[in-house]
Amino acid sequence: MNAQEVFAKMQELIAEQFAVDMDEITMETAFDEDLGADSVDLVELVMAMEEEFGIGEVAEEDLAELKTVGNCVNYLVGKLK
């Protein structure tokens, strides 16, 4: 799965969870600043990512790095290789 495919799937997950239009979600979209996500929202999103992409559990130290959609896409692409 390439970065574009991962991004498209992330747009779907984020649009559903945060009730925003997929077109508003870019690689630069920040979860806290742009989407108003709190820690519970982020945990739910990470759980959805783990399930959708079959990557196993995201390590605690990796969670701190996942601040934008692009961070997540790059993380997932790395995990899926």
N, C-alpha and C. Protein backbone atom coordinates (compact mmCIF):
# COMPACT_ATOMS: atom_id res chain seq x y z
N MET A 1 0.85 -1.18 0.00
CA MET A 1 0.00 0.00 0.00
C MET A 1 0.90 1.25 0.00
N ASN A 2 0.67 2.13 -0.94
CA ASN A 2 1.52 3.32 -1.03
C ASN A 2 0.95 4.46 -0.18
N ALA A 3 1.71 5.56 -0.10
CA ALA A 3 1.33 6.69 0.76
C ALA A 3 -0.02 7.28 0.34
N GLN A 4 -0.27 7.35 -0.95
CA GLN A 4 -1.55 7.92 -1.42
C GLN A 4 -2.73 7.07 -0.98
N GLU A 5 -2.58 5.75 -1.06
CA GLU A 5 -3.65 4.85 -0.62
C GLU A 5 -3.87 4.94 0.89
N VAL A 6 -2.76 5.02 1.64
CA VAL A 6 -2.86 5.15 3.09
C VAL A 6 -3.55 6.47 3.44
N PHE A 7 -3.16 7.56 2.75
CA PHE A 7 -3.76 8.87 3.00
C PHE A 7 -5.27 8.84 2.72
N ALA A 8 -5.67 8.22 1.63
CA ALA A 8 -7.10 8.14 1.29
C ALA A 8 -7.88 7.40 2.38
N LYS A 9 -7.32 6.32 2.88
CA LYS A 9 -7.99 5.55 3.93
C LYS A 9 -8.02 6.36 5.24
N MET A 10 -6.93 7.07 5.53
CA MET A 10 -6.90 7.92 6.73
C MET A 10 -7.94 9.03 6.63
N GLN A 11 -8.11 9.60 5.43
CA GLN A 11 -9.14 10.63 5.25
C GLN A 11 -10.51 10.07 5.63
N GLU A 12 -10.79 8.84 5.20
CA GLU A 12 -12.07 8.22 5.51
C GLU A 12 -12.25 8.04 7.02
N LEU A 13 -11.21 7.49 7.67
CA LEU A 13 -11.28 7.24 9.11
C LEU A 13 -11.48 8.55 9.88
N ILE A 14 -10.71 9.57 9.52
CA ILE A 14 -10.76 10.85 10.22
C ILE A 14 -12.09 11.56 9.96
N ALA A 15 -12.55 11.55 8.72
CA ALA A 15 -13.82 12.19 8.38
C ALA A 15 -14.96 11.57 9.19
N GLU A 16 -14.94 10.25 9.32
CA GLU A 16 -15.98 9.55 10.07
C GLU A 16 -15.89 9.88 11.56
N GLN A 17 -14.69 9.82 12.11
CA GLN A 17 -14.53 10.00 13.56
C GLN A 17 -14.77 11.45 14.00
N PHE A 18 -14.30 12.40 13.20
CA PHE A 18 -14.37 13.80 13.61
C PHE A 18 -15.51 14.57 12.92
N ALA A 19 -16.31 13.87 12.13
CA ALA A 19 -17.45 14.48 11.45
C ALA A 19 -17.04 15.71 10.63
N VAL A 20 -16.00 15.55 9.82
CA VAL A 20 -15.56 16.61 8.92
C VAL A 20 -15.59 16.08 7.49
N ASP A 21 -15.59 16.98 6.54
CA ASP A 21 -15.57 16.61 5.14
C ASP A 21 -14.18 16.11 4.76
N MET A 22 -14.13 15.01 4.02
CA MET A 22 -12.83 14.44 3.62
C MET A 22 -11.97 15.46 2.89
N ASP A 23 -12.59 16.36 2.13
CA ASP A 23 -11.84 17.36 1.37
C ASP A 23 -11.09 18.34 2.26
N GLU A 24 -11.51 18.46 3.52
CA GLU A 24 -10.85 19.38 4.46
C GLU A 24 -9.59 18.77 5.06
N ILE A 25 -9.40 17.48 4.88
CA ILE A 25 -8.28 16.78 5.52
C ILE A 25 -7.09 16.72 4.56
N THR A 26 -5.98 17.31 5.00
CA THR A 26 -4.75 17.29 4.20
C THR A 26 -3.66 16.62 5.01
N MET A 27 -2.51 16.45 4.40
CA MET A 27 -1.37 15.87 5.11
C MET A 27 -0.94 16.79 6.27
N GLU A 28 -1.22 18.09 6.15
CA GLU A 28 -0.81 19.05 7.17
C GLU A 28 -1.84 19.22 8.29
N THR A 29 -3.00 18.60 8.15
CA THR A 29 -4.04 18.75 9.17
C THR A 29 -3.53 18.24 10.52
N ALA A 30 -3.58 19.13 11.52
CA ALA A 30 -3.15 18.77 12.88
C ALA A 30 -4.38 18.31 13.67
N PHE A 31 -4.20 17.22 14.41
CA PHE A 31 -5.34 16.65 15.14
C PHE A 31 -5.87 17.60 16.22
N ASP A 32 -4.98 18.19 17.00
CA ASP A 32 -5.44 19.05 18.08
C ASP A 32 -5.87 20.43 17.58
N GLU A 33 -5.03 21.09 16.80
CA GLU A 33 -5.33 22.45 16.36
C GLU A 33 -6.45 22.52 15.33
N ASP A 34 -6.41 21.65 14.32
CA ASP A 34 -7.38 21.73 13.22
C ASP A 34 -8.67 20.95 13.48
N LEU A 35 -8.55 19.83 14.20
CA LEU A 35 -9.72 18.97 14.41
C LEU A 35 -10.26 19.02 15.84
N GLY A 36 -9.53 19.71 16.73
CA GLY A 36 -9.99 19.80 18.11
C GLY A 36 -9.98 18.48 18.85
N ALA A 37 -9.07 17.59 18.46
CA ALA A 37 -9.01 16.25 19.06
C ALA A 37 -8.45 16.31 20.48
N ASP A 38 -9.04 15.52 21.37
CA ASP A 38 -8.46 15.36 22.70
C ASP A 38 -7.83 13.97 22.78
N SER A 39 -7.30 13.62 23.93
CA SER A 39 -6.58 12.35 24.04
C SER A 39 -7.47 11.15 23.77
N VAL A 40 -8.74 11.23 24.15
CA VAL A 40 -9.67 10.12 23.90
C VAL A 40 -9.89 9.96 22.39
N ASP A 41 -10.08 11.09 21.70
CA ASP A 41 -10.25 11.04 20.24
C ASP A 41 -9.05 10.38 19.58
N LEU A 42 -7.86 10.75 20.04
CA LEU A 42 -6.63 10.21 19.44
C LEU A 42 -6.50 8.72 19.69
N VAL A 43 -6.83 8.28 20.89
CA VAL A 43 -6.77 6.85 21.20
C VAL A 43 -7.74 6.09 20.30
N GLU A 44 -8.94 6.62 20.12
CA GLU A 44 -9.93 5.97 19.26
C GLU A 44 -9.44 5.92 17.81
N LEU A 45 -8.81 6.99 17.36
CA LEU A 45 -8.29 7.02 16.00
C LEU A 45 -7.16 6.00 15.83
N VAL A 46 -6.27 5.94 16.80
CA VAL A 46 -5.16 4.98 16.72
C VAL A 46 -5.70 3.55 16.73
N MET A 47 -6.72 3.29 17.53
CA MET A 47 -7.32 1.94 17.54
C MET A 47 -7.92 1.62 16.17
N ALA A 48 -8.57 2.61 15.55
CA ALA A 48 -9.13 2.40 14.22
C ALA A 48 -8.02 2.15 13.19
N MET A 49 -6.91 2.88 13.33
CA MET A 49 -5.76 2.67 12.42
C MET A 49 -5.19 1.26 12.59
N GLU A 50 -5.03 0.84 13.85
CA GLU A 50 -4.48 -0.49 14.12
C GLU A 50 -5.35 -1.56 13.48
N GLU A 51 -6.66 -1.41 13.61
CA GLU A 51 -7.59 -2.39 13.05
C GLU A 51 -7.62 -2.33 11.52
N GLU A 52 -7.73 -1.12 10.97
CA GLU A 52 -7.85 -0.94 9.52
C GLU A 52 -6.61 -1.43 8.77
N PHE A 53 -5.44 -1.13 9.32
CA PHE A 53 -4.19 -1.45 8.61
C PHE A 53 -3.51 -2.71 9.13
N GLY A 54 -4.04 -3.31 10.19
CA GLY A 54 -3.46 -4.54 10.72
C GLY A 54 -2.01 -4.41 11.14
N ILE A 55 -1.70 -3.32 11.84
CA ILE A 55 -0.30 -3.04 12.19
C ILE A 55 0.05 -3.45 13.61
N GLY A 56 -0.90 -4.02 14.34
CA GLY A 56 -0.62 -4.33 15.74
C GLY A 56 -0.73 -3.06 16.57
N GLU A 57 -0.28 -3.14 17.80
CA GLU A 57 -0.43 -2.01 18.70
C GLU A 57 0.64 -0.94 18.44
N VAL A 58 0.20 0.30 18.40
CA VAL A 58 1.12 1.43 18.22
C VAL A 58 1.80 1.69 19.57
N ALA A 59 3.13 1.74 19.56
CA ALA A 59 3.89 1.94 20.79
C ALA A 59 3.61 3.31 21.38
N GLU A 60 3.65 3.39 22.70
CA GLU A 60 3.39 4.63 23.44
C GLU A 60 4.29 5.77 22.96
N GLU A 61 5.57 5.48 22.76
CA GLU A 61 6.49 6.54 22.33
C GLU A 61 6.20 7.02 20.90
N ASP A 62 5.60 6.16 20.08
CA ASP A 62 5.24 6.55 18.72
C ASP A 62 4.03 7.48 18.71
N LEU A 63 3.14 7.30 19.68
CA LEU A 63 1.92 8.11 19.74
C LEU A 63 2.24 9.60 19.83
N ALA A 64 3.25 9.95 20.58
CA ALA A 64 3.61 11.36 20.78
C ALA A 64 4.02 12.03 19.47
N GLU A 65 4.48 11.24 18.51
CA GLU A 65 4.94 11.78 17.23
C GLU A 65 3.81 11.99 16.22
N LEU A 66 2.66 11.43 16.49
CA LEU A 66 1.55 11.46 15.53
C LEU A 66 0.67 12.68 15.76
N LYS A 67 1.17 13.83 15.33
CA LYS A 67 0.48 15.10 15.55
C LYS A 67 -0.34 15.55 14.34
N THR A 68 0.04 15.10 13.15
CA THR A 68 -0.68 15.50 11.93
C THR A 68 -1.07 14.25 11.14
N VAL A 69 -1.93 14.46 10.17
CA VAL A 69 -2.33 13.36 9.29
C VAL A 69 -1.10 12.82 8.56
N GLY A 70 -0.22 13.73 8.12
CA GLY A 70 1.00 13.31 7.44
C GLY A 70 1.88 12.44 8.31
N ASN A 71 1.99 12.78 9.60
CA ASN A 71 2.76 11.94 10.53
C ASN A 71 2.20 10.52 10.55
N CYS A 72 0.89 10.42 10.61
CA CYS A 72 0.24 9.10 10.64
C CYS A 72 0.46 8.33 9.35
N VAL A 73 0.32 9.02 8.23
CA VAL A 73 0.51 8.36 6.93
C VAL A 73 1.94 7.84 6.81
N ASN A 74 2.90 8.67 7.16
CA ASN A 74 4.30 8.24 7.08
C ASN A 74 4.59 7.09 8.04
N TYR A 75 4.03 7.14 9.24
CA TYR A 75 4.19 6.07 10.21
C TYR A 75 3.63 4.77 9.66
N LEU A 76 2.40 4.84 9.11
CA LEU A 76 1.75 3.64 8.59
C LEU A 76 2.50 3.07 7.39
N VAL A 77 2.95 3.93 6.48
CA VAL A 77 3.70 3.45 5.32
C VAL A 77 4.94 2.69 5.79
N GLY A 78 5.63 3.24 6.80
CA GLY A 78 6.80 2.57 7.36
C GLY A 78 6.46 1.22 7.96
N LYS A 79 5.32 1.14 8.66
CA LYS A 79 4.89 -0.11 9.30
C LYS A 79 4.44 -1.15 8.28
N LEU A 80 3.93 -0.70 7.14
CA LEU A 80 3.37 -1.63 6.17
C LEU A 80 4.43 -2.18 5.19
N LYS A 81 5.64 -1.70 5.26
CA LYS A 81 6.69 -2.17 4.36
C LYS A 81 7.17 -3.54 4.75
